[in-house]
Amino acid sequence: HLPTVSVFSEITVPISFPDMPDVFVKGVTGVLDWN
């Protein structure tokens, strides 16, 4: 009965992916509970 709420954000300084130096995290989504 309640929706899932999430916020997508771009990351200002890319984070390198572990064990894969050529792959970077460019964004992150945080899923929120109702609290």
PDB file of all heavy atoms in Angstrom:
ATOM      1  N   HIS A   1       0.799  -1.225   0.000  1.00  0.00           N
ATOM      2  CA  HIS A   1       0.000   0.000   0.000  1.00  0.00           C
ATOM      3  C   HIS A   1       0.831   1.274   0.000  1.00  0.00           C
ATOM      4  O   HIS A   1       0.311   2.346  -0.275  1.00  0.00           O
ATOM      5  CB  HIS A   1      -0.996   0.001   1.164  1.00  0.00           C
ATOM      6  CG  HIS A   1      -0.364   0.103   2.510  1.00  0.00           C
ATOM      7  ND1 HIS A   1       0.247  -0.961   3.130  1.00  0.00           N
ATOM      8  CD2 HIS A   1      -0.231   1.155   3.342  1.00  0.00           C
ATOM      9  CE1 HIS A   1       0.726  -0.573   4.290  1.00  0.00           C
ATOM     10  NE2 HIS A   1       0.453   0.711   4.445  1.00  0.00           N
ATOM     11  N   LEU A   2       2.125   1.195   0.297  1.00  0.00           N
ATOM     12  CA  LEU A   2       2.998   2.370   0.266  1.00  0.00           C
ATOM     13  C   LEU A   2       4.049   2.199  -0.826  1.00  0.00           C
ATOM     14  O   LEU A   2       4.570   1.102  -1.028  1.00  0.00           O
ATOM     15  CB  LEU A   2       3.705   2.561   1.612  1.00  0.00           C
ATOM     16  CG  LEU A   2       2.812   2.941   2.790  1.00  0.00           C
ATOM     17  CD1 LEU A   2       3.632   2.987   4.075  1.00  0.00           C
ATOM     18  CD2 LEU A   2       2.149   4.291   2.552  1.00  0.00           C
ATOM     19  N   PRO A   3       4.392   3.262  -1.522  1.00  0.00           N
ATOM     20  CA  PRO A   3       5.412   3.155  -2.567  1.00  0.00           C
ATOM     21  C   PRO A   3       6.818   3.104  -1.983  1.00  0.00           C
ATOM     22  O   PRO A   3       7.049   3.495  -0.839  1.00  0.00           O
ATOM     23  CB  PRO A   3       5.216   4.437  -3.375  1.00  0.00           C
ATOM     24  CG  PRO A   3       4.684   5.412  -2.384  1.00  0.00           C
ATOM     25  CD  PRO A   3       3.825   4.607  -1.440  1.00  0.00           C
ATOM     26  N   THR A   4       7.744   2.620  -2.787  1.00  0.00           N
ATOM     27  CA  THR A   4       9.155   2.689  -2.457  1.00  0.00           C
ATOM     28  C   THR A   4       9.648   4.059  -2.918  1.00  0.00           C
ATOM     29  O   THR A   4       9.344   4.487  -4.033  1.00  0.00           O
ATOM     30  CB  THR A   4       9.942   1.586  -3.189  1.00  0.00           C
ATOM     31  OG1 THR A   4       9.413   0.325  -2.815  1.00  0.00           O
ATOM     32  CG2 THR A   4      11.412   1.631  -2.852  1.00  0.00           C
ATOM     33  N   VAL A   5      10.399   4.737  -2.061  1.00  0.00           N
ATOM     34  CA  VAL A   5      10.904   6.072  -2.389  1.00  0.00           C
ATOM     35  C   VAL A   5      12.423   5.996  -2.480  1.00  0.00           C
ATOM     36  O   VAL A   5      13.079   5.459  -1.587  1.00  0.00           O
ATOM     37  CB  VAL A   5      10.495   7.104  -1.315  1.00  0.00           C
ATOM     38  CG1 VAL A   5      11.029   8.475  -1.664  1.00  0.00           C
ATOM     39  CG2 VAL A   5       8.989   7.133  -1.156  1.00  0.00           C
ATOM     40  N   SER A   6      12.965   6.521  -3.570  1.00  0.00           N
ATOM     41  CA  SER A   6      14.413   6.534  -3.720  1.00  0.00           C
ATOM     42  C   SER A   6      14.853   7.853  -4.335  1.00  0.00           C
ATOM     43  O   SER A   6      14.066   8.542  -4.991  1.00  0.00           O
ATOM     44  CB  SER A   6      14.890   5.351  -4.570  1.00  0.00           C
ATOM     45  OG  SER A   6      14.286   5.360  -5.836  1.00  0.00           O
ATOM     46  N   VAL A   7      16.112   8.179  -4.098  1.00  0.00           N
ATOM     47  CA  VAL A   7      16.693   9.411  -4.640  1.00  0.00           C
ATOM     48  C   VAL A   7      17.929   9.026  -5.434  1.00  0.00           C
ATOM     49  O   VAL A   7      18.841   8.387  -4.901  1.00  0.00           O
ATOM     50  CB  VAL A   7      17.063  10.409  -3.520  1.00  0.00           C
ATOM     51  CG1 VAL A   7      17.733  11.652  -4.102  1.00  0.00           C
ATOM     52  CG2 VAL A   7      15.837  10.784  -2.703  1.00  0.00           C
ATOM     53  N   PHE A   8      17.940   9.392  -6.706  1.00  0.00           N
ATOM     54  CA  PHE A   8      19.115   9.168  -7.542  1.00  0.00           C
ATOM     55  C   PHE A   8      19.973  10.421  -7.510  1.00  0.00           C
ATOM     56  O   PHE A   8      19.465  11.539  -7.678  1.00  0.00           O
ATOM     57  CB  PHE A   8      18.723   8.854  -8.991  1.00  0.00           C
ATOM     58  CG  PHE A   8      19.899   8.861  -9.925  1.00  0.00           C
ATOM     59  CD1 PHE A   8      20.799   7.809  -9.933  1.00  0.00           C
ATOM     60  CD2 PHE A   8      20.130   9.943 -10.760  1.00  0.00           C
ATOM     61  CE1 PHE A   8      21.904   7.823 -10.778  1.00  0.00           C
ATOM     62  CE2 PHE A   8      21.217   9.971 -11.604  1.00  0.00           C
ATOM     63  CZ  PHE A   8      22.108   8.911 -11.615  1.00  0.00           C
ATOM     64  N   SER A   9      21.282  10.228  -7.300  1.00  0.00           N
ATOM     65  CA  SER A   9      22.217  11.345  -7.262  1.00  0.00           C
ATOM     66  C   SER A   9      23.425  11.034  -8.126  1.00  0.00           C
ATOM     67  O   SER A   9      23.881   9.886  -8.181  1.00  0.00           O
ATOM     68  CB  SER A   9      22.716  11.594  -5.834  1.00  0.00           C
ATOM     69  OG  SER A   9      21.658  11.902  -4.977  1.00  0.00           O
ATOM     70  N   GLU A  10      23.915  12.061  -8.788  1.00  0.00           N
ATOM     71  CA  GLU A  10      25.189  11.929  -9.481  1.00  0.00           C
ATOM     72  C   GLU A  10      26.289  12.083  -8.445  1.00  0.00           C
ATOM     73  O   GLU A  10      26.147  12.836  -7.484  1.00  0.00           O
ATOM     74  CB  GLU A  10      25.325  13.001 -10.558  1.00  0.00           C
ATOM     75  CG  GLU A  10      24.323  12.852 -11.678  1.00  0.00           C
ATOM     76  CD  GLU A  10      24.354  14.015 -12.654  1.00  0.00           C
ATOM     77  OE1 GLU A  10      25.031  15.043 -12.374  1.00  0.00           O
ATOM     78  OE2 GLU A  10      23.685  13.912 -13.688  1.00  0.00           O
ATOM     79  N   ILE A  11      27.384  11.373  -8.652  1.00  0.00           N
ATOM     80  CA  ILE A  11      28.537  11.490  -7.756  1.00  0.00           C
ATOM     81  C   ILE A  11      29.496  12.490  -8.391  1.00  0.00           C
ATOM     82  O   ILE A  11      29.861  12.355  -9.566  1.00  0.00           O
ATOM     83  CB  ILE A  11      29.199  10.126  -7.515  1.00  0.00           C
ATOM     84  CG1 ILE A  11      28.215   9.235  -6.764  1.00  0.00           C
ATOM     85  CG2 ILE A  11      30.505  10.279  -6.768  1.00  0.00           C
ATOM     86  CD1 ILE A  11      28.748   7.880  -6.371  1.00  0.00           C
ATOM     87  N   THR A  12      29.873  13.504  -7.627  1.00  0.00           N
ATOM     88  CA  THR A  12      30.696  14.581  -8.177  1.00  0.00           C
ATOM     89  C   THR A  12      32.125  14.130  -8.467  1.00  0.00           C
ATOM     90  O   THR A  12      32.742  14.625  -9.403  1.00  0.00           O
ATOM     91  CB  THR A  12      30.715  15.791  -7.221  1.00  0.00           C
ATOM     92  OG1 THR A  12      31.177  15.360  -5.935  1.00  0.00           O
ATOM     93  CG2 THR A  12      29.318  16.393  -7.098  1.00  0.00           C
ATOM     94  N   VAL A  13      32.640  13.209  -7.668  1.00  0.00           N
ATOM     95  CA  VAL A  13      33.973  12.643  -7.905  1.00  0.00           C
ATOM     96  C   VAL A  13      33.783  11.138  -8.071  1.00  0.00           C
ATOM     97  O   VAL A  13      33.438  10.456  -7.112  1.00  0.00           O
ATOM     98  CB  VAL A  13      34.941  12.929  -6.732  1.00  0.00           C
ATOM     99  CG1 VAL A  13      36.297  12.302  -6.992  1.00  0.00           C
ATOM    100  CG2 VAL A  13      35.066  14.423  -6.501  1.00  0.00           C
ATOM    101  N   PRO A  14      33.965  10.619  -9.296  1.00  0.00           N
ATOM    102  CA  PRO A  14      33.699   9.193  -9.524  1.00  0.00           C
ATOM    103  C   PRO A  14      34.514   8.289  -8.600  1.00  0.00           C
ATOM    104  O   PRO A  14      35.661   8.572  -8.258  1.00  0.00           O
ATOM    105  CB  PRO A  14      34.116   8.982 -10.980  1.00  0.00           C
ATOM    106  CG  PRO A  14      34.023  10.337 -11.600  1.00  0.00           C
ATOM    107  CD  PRO A  14      34.381  11.302 -10.502  1.00  0.00           C
ATOM    108  N   ILE A  15      33.885   7.199  -8.198  1.00  0.00           N
ATOM    109  CA  ILE A  15      34.520   6.203  -7.330  1.00  0.00           C
ATOM    110  C   ILE A  15      34.891   5.015  -8.201  1.00  0.00           C
ATOM    111  O   ILE A  15      34.069   4.521  -8.975  1.00  0.00           O
ATOM    112  CB  ILE A  15      33.549   5.766  -6.216  1.00  0.00           C
ATOM    113  CG1 ILE A  15      33.169   6.966  -5.359  1.00  0.00           C
ATOM    114  CG2 ILE A  15      34.136   4.646  -5.390  1.00  0.00           C
ATOM    115  CD1 ILE A  15      32.051   6.672  -4.375  1.00  0.00           C
ATOM    116  N   SER A  16      36.143   4.533  -8.072  1.00  0.00           N
ATOM    117  CA  SER A  16      36.559   3.389  -8.885  1.00  0.00           C
ATOM    118  C   SER A  16      35.928   2.111  -8.347  1.00  0.00           C
ATOM    119  O   SER A  16      35.752   1.924  -7.146  1.00  0.00           O
ATOM    120  CB  SER A  16      38.079   3.261  -8.917  1.00  0.00           C
ATOM    121  OG  SER A  16      38.568   3.031  -7.625  1.00  0.00           O
ATOM    122  N   PHE A  17      35.579   1.256  -9.274  1.00  0.00           N
ATOM    123  CA  PHE A  17      34.977  -0.027  -8.955  1.00  0.00           C
ATOM    124  C   PHE A  17      36.076  -0.955  -8.458  1.00  0.00           C
ATOM    125  O   PHE A  17      37.133  -1.037  -9.075  1.00  0.00           O
ATOM    126  CB  PHE A  17      34.330  -0.594 -10.229  1.00  0.00           C
ATOM    127  CG  PHE A  17      33.356  -1.697  -9.999  1.00  0.00           C
ATOM    128  CD1 PHE A  17      32.032  -1.423  -9.736  1.00  0.00           C
ATOM    129  CD2 PHE A  17      33.764  -3.016 -10.059  1.00  0.00           C
ATOM    130  CE1 PHE A  17      31.118  -2.440  -9.549  1.00  0.00           C
ATOM    131  CE2 PHE A  17      32.870  -4.042  -9.861  1.00  0.00           C
ATOM    132  CZ  PHE A  17      31.534  -3.751  -9.602  1.00  0.00           C
ATOM    133  N   PRO A  18      35.871  -1.664  -7.338  1.00  0.00           N
ATOM    134  CA  PRO A  18      36.925  -2.556  -6.834  1.00  0.00           C
ATOM    135  C   PRO A  18      37.310  -3.608  -7.877  1.00  0.00           C
ATOM    136  O   PRO A  18      36.454  -4.176  -8.542  1.00  0.00           O
ATOM    137  CB  PRO A  18      36.285  -3.222  -5.617  1.00  0.00           C
ATOM    138  CG  PRO A  18      35.162  -2.333  -5.230  1.00  0.00           C
ATOM    139  CD  PRO A  18      34.696  -1.666  -6.493  1.00  0.00           C
ATOM    140  N   ASP A  19      38.590  -3.845  -8.002  1.00  0.00           N
ATOM    141  CA  ASP A  19      39.161  -4.859  -8.907  1.00  0.00           C
ATOM    142  C   ASP A  19      38.943  -4.547 -10.387  1.00  0.00           C
ATOM    143  O   ASP A  19      39.255  -5.375 -11.240  1.00  0.00           O
ATOM    144  CB  ASP A  19      38.605  -6.258  -8.604  1.00  0.00           C
ATOM    145  CG  ASP A  19      38.876  -6.687  -7.163  1.00  0.00           C
ATOM    146  OD1 ASP A  19      39.944  -6.312  -6.625  1.00  0.00           O
ATOM    147  OD2 ASP A  19      38.023  -7.380  -6.593  1.00  0.00           O
ATOM    148  N   MET A  20      38.384  -3.403 -10.712  1.00  0.00           N
ATOM    149  CA  MET A  20      38.181  -2.996 -12.108  1.00  0.00           C
ATOM    150  C   MET A  20      38.499  -1.508 -12.217  1.00  0.00           C
ATOM    151  O   MET A  20      37.601  -0.673 -12.165  1.00  0.00           O
ATOM    152  CB  MET A  20      36.750  -3.288 -12.557  1.00  0.00           C
ATOM    153  CG  MET A  20      36.371  -4.749 -12.481  1.00  0.00           C
ATOM    154  SD  MET A  20      34.655  -5.021 -12.927  1.00  0.00           S
ATOM    155  CE  MET A  20      34.847  -5.329 -14.668  1.00  0.00           C
ATOM    156  N   PRO A  21      39.768  -1.148 -12.364  1.00  0.00           N
ATOM    157  CA  PRO A  21      40.155   0.265 -12.315  1.00  0.00           C
ATOM    158  C   PRO A  21      39.597   1.126 -13.448  1.00  0.00           C
ATOM    159  O   PRO A  21      39.564   2.347 -13.325  1.00  0.00           O
ATOM    160  CB  PRO A  21      41.684   0.210 -12.372  1.00  0.00           C
ATOM    161  CG  PRO A  21      42.013  -1.116 -12.947  1.00  0.00           C
ATOM    162  CD  PRO A  21      40.896  -2.036 -12.588  1.00  0.00           C
ATOM    163  N   ASP A  22      39.144   0.521 -14.535  1.00  0.00           N
ATOM    164  CA  ASP A  22      38.603   1.303 -15.653  1.00  0.00           C
ATOM    165  C   ASP A  22      37.098   1.545 -15.546  1.00  0.00           C
ATOM    166  O   ASP A  22      36.512   2.201 -16.395  1.00  0.00           O
ATOM    167  CB  ASP A  22      38.888   0.592 -16.976  1.00  0.00           C
ATOM    168  CG  ASP A  22      40.379   0.527 -17.278  1.00  0.00           C
ATOM    169  OD1 ASP A  22      41.132   1.350 -16.724  1.00  0.00           O
ATOM    170  OD2 ASP A  22      40.781  -0.341 -18.076  1.00  0.00           O
ATOM    171  N   VAL A  23      36.467   1.005 -14.498  1.00  0.00           N
ATOM    172  CA  VAL A  23      35.030   1.162 -14.304  1.00  0.00           C
ATOM    173  C   VAL A  23      34.805   2.076 -13.105  1.00  0.00           C
ATOM    174  O   VAL A  23      35.396   1.880 -12.047  1.00  0.00           O
ATOM    175  CB  VAL A  23      34.344  -0.206 -14.072  1.00  0.00           C
ATOM    176  CG1 VAL A  23      32.862  -0.032 -13.824  1.00  0.00           C
ATOM    177  CG2 VAL A  23      34.594  -1.127 -15.257  1.00  0.00           C
ATOM    178  N   PHE A  24      33.951   3.080 -13.289  1.00  0.00           N
ATOM    179  CA  PHE A  24      33.709   4.051 -12.226  1.00  0.00           C
ATOM    180  C   PHE A  24      32.223   4.132 -11.893  1.00  0.00           C
ATOM    181  O   PHE A  24      31.366   3.990 -12.763  1.00  0.00           O
ATOM    182  CB  PHE A  24      34.188   5.447 -12.646  1.00  0.00           C
ATOM    183  CG  PHE A  24      35.669   5.546 -12.807  1.00  0.00           C
ATOM    184  CD1 PHE A  24      36.253   5.367 -14.052  1.00  0.00           C
ATOM    185  CD2 PHE A  24      36.466   5.807 -11.709  1.00  0.00           C
ATOM    186  CE1 PHE A  24      37.621   5.455 -14.198  1.00  0.00           C
ATOM    187  CE2 PHE A  24      37.843   5.901 -11.845  1.00  0.00           C
ATOM    188  CZ  PHE A  24      38.423   5.715 -13.098  1.00  0.00           C
ATOM    189  N   VAL A  25      31.959   4.391 -10.623  1.00  0.00           N
ATOM    190  CA  VAL A  25      30.592   4.655 -10.177  1.00  0.00           C
ATOM    191  C   VAL A  25      30.329   6.126 -10.455  1.00  0.00           C
ATOM    192  O   VAL A  25      31.034   6.999  -9.962  1.00  0.00           O
ATOM    193  CB  VAL A  25      30.420   4.332  -8.674  1.00  0.00           C
ATOM    194  CG1 VAL A  25      29.025   4.708  -8.210  1.00  0.00           C
ATOM    195  CG2 VAL A  25      30.708   2.867  -8.399  1.00  0.00           C
ATOM    196  N   LYS A  26      29.308   6.388 -11.275  1.00  0.00           N
ATOM    197  CA  LYS A  26      28.967   7.752 -11.660  1.00  0.00           C
ATOM    198  C   LYS A  26      27.750   8.289 -10.910  1.00  0.00           C
ATOM    199  O   LYS A  26      27.504   9.482 -10.882  1.00  0.00           O
ATOM    200  CB  LYS A  26      28.673   7.822 -13.159  1.00  0.00           C
ATOM    201  CG  LYS A  26      29.851   7.488 -14.021  1.00  0.00           C
ATOM    202  CD  LYS A  26      30.800   8.638 -14.040  1.00  0.00           C
ATOM    203  CE  LYS A  26      31.840   8.424 -15.125  1.00  0.00           C
ATOM    204  NZ  LYS A  26      32.549   9.629 -15.461  1.00  0.00           N
ATOM    205  N   GLY A  27      26.958   7.374 -10.319  1.00  0.00           N
ATOM    206  CA  GLY A  27      25.761   7.782  -9.606  1.00  0.00           C
ATOM    207  C   GLY A  27      25.388   6.750  -8.568  1.00  0.00           C
ATOM    208  O   GLY A  27      25.890   5.617  -8.579  1.00  0.00           O
ATOM    209  N   VAL A  28      24.515   7.150  -7.654  1.00  0.00           N
ATOM    210  CA  VAL A  28      24.052   6.240  -6.610  1.00  0.00           C
ATOM    211  C   VAL A  28      22.584   6.537  -6.321  1.00  0.00           C
ATOM    212  O   VAL A  28      22.153   7.688  -6.376  1.00  0.00           O
ATOM    213  CB  VAL A  28      24.918   6.360  -5.329  1.00  0.00           C
ATOM    214  CG1 VAL A  28      24.813   7.738  -4.716  1.00  0.00           C
ATOM    215  CG2 VAL A  28      24.583   5.284  -4.327  1.00  0.00           C
ATOM    216  N   THR A  29      21.845   5.476  -6.071  1.00  0.00           N
ATOM    217  CA  THR A  29      20.457   5.618  -5.660  1.00  0.00           C
ATOM    218  C   THR A  29      20.341   5.144  -4.227  1.00  0.00           C
ATOM    219  O   THR A  29      20.797   4.047  -3.898  1.00  0.00           O
ATOM    220  CB  THR A  29      19.521   4.777  -6.562  1.00  0.00           C
ATOM    221  OG1 THR A  29      19.580   5.312  -7.883  1.00  0.00           O
ATOM    222  CG2 THR A  29      18.090   4.828  -6.070  1.00  0.00           C
ATOM    223  N   GLY A  30      19.766   5.968  -3.388  1.00  0.00           N
ATOM    224  CA  GLY A  30      19.484   5.590  -2.007  1.00  0.00           C
ATOM    225  C   GLY A  30      18.001   5.313  -1.867  1.00  0.00           C
ATOM    226  O   GLY A  30      17.169   6.159  -2.202  1.00  0.00           O
ATOM    227  N   VAL A  31      17.659   4.105  -1.426  1.00  0.00           N
ATOM    228  CA  VAL A  31      16.263   3.726  -1.216  1.00  0.00           C
ATOM    229  C   VAL A  31      15.922   4.012   0.235  1.00  0.00           C
ATOM    230  O   VAL A  31      16.627   3.559   1.146  1.00  0.00           O
ATOM    231  CB  VAL A  31      16.038   2.233  -1.550  1.00  0.00           C
ATOM    232  CG1 VAL A  31      14.588   1.846  -1.317  1.00  0.00           C
ATOM    233  CG2 VAL A  31      16.452   1.948  -2.992  1.00  0.00           C
ATOM    234  N   LEU A  32      14.847   4.763   0.448  1.00  0.00           N
ATOM    235  CA  LEU A  32      14.460   5.192   1.792  1.00  0.00           C
ATOM    236  C   LEU A  32      13.280   4.383   2.311  1.00  0.00           C
ATOM    237  O   LEU A  32      12.385   4.015   1.549  1.00  0.00           O
ATOM    238  CB  LEU A  32      14.044   6.669   1.775  1.00  0.00           C
ATOM    239  CG  LEU A  32      15.114   7.678   1.358  1.00  0.00           C
ATOM    240  CD1 LEU A  32      14.487   9.019   1.052  1.00  0.00           C
ATOM    241  CD2 LEU A  32      16.142   7.813   2.450  1.00  0.00           C
ATOM    242  N   ASP A  33      13.293   4.131   3.635  1.00  0.00           N
ATOM    243  CA  ASP A  33      12.088   3.582   4.254  1.00  0.00           C
ATOM    244  C   ASP A  33      11.240   4.763   4.715  1.00  0.00           C
ATOM    245  O   ASP A  33      11.621   5.922   4.572  1.00  0.00           O
ATOM    246  CB  ASP A  33      12.422   2.613   5.394  1.00  0.00           C
ATOM    247  CG  ASP A  33      13.089   3.277   6.598  1.00  0.00           C
ATOM    248  OD1 ASP A  33      13.135   4.526   6.684  1.00  0.00           O
ATOM    249  OD2 ASP A  33      13.567   2.538   7.471  1.00  0.00           O
ATOM    250  N   TRP A  34      10.063   4.461   5.274  1.00  0.00           N
ATOM    251  CA  TRP A  34       9.145   5.548   5.634  1.00  0.00           C
ATOM    252  C   TRP A  34       9.535   6.265   6.914  1.00  0.00           C
ATOM    253  O   TRP A  34       8.890   7.225   7.318  1.00  0.00           O
ATOM    254  CB  TRP A  34       7.706   5.029   5.683  1.00  0.00           C
ATOM    255  CG  TRP A  34       7.240   4.859   4.282  1.00  0.00           C
ATOM    256  CD1 TRP A  34       7.318   3.721   3.524  1.00  0.00           C
ATOM    257  CD2 TRP A  34       6.740   5.872   3.422  1.00  0.00           C
ATOM    258  NE1 TRP A  34       6.867   3.972   2.249  1.00  0.00           N
ATOM    259  CE2 TRP A  34       6.498   5.285   2.159  1.00  0.00           C
ATOM    260  CE3 TRP A  34       6.456   7.217   3.595  1.00  0.00           C
ATOM    261  CZ2 TRP A  34       5.993   6.002   1.089  1.00  0.00           C
ATOM    262  CZ3 TRP A  34       5.945   7.922   2.515  1.00  0.00           C
ATOM    263  CH2 TRP A  34       5.718   7.316   1.286  1.00  0.00           C
ATOM    264  N   ASN A  35      10.637   5.827   7.565  1.00  0.00           N
ATOM    265  CA  ASN A  35      11.182   6.545   8.714  1.00  0.00           C
ATOM    266  C   ASN A  35      12.335   7.459   8.304  1.00  0.00           C
ATOM    267  O   ASN A  35      12.959   8.086   9.145  1.00  0.00           O
ATOM    268  CB  ASN A  35      11.649   5.559   9.784  1.00  0.00           C
ATOM    269  CG  ASN A  35      10.494   4.791  10.373  1.00  0.00           C
ATOM    270  OD1 ASN A  35       9.449   5.379  10.671  1.00  0.00           O
ATOM    271  ND2 ASN A  35      10.641   3.495  10.531  1.00  0.00           N
TER     272      ASN A  35
END
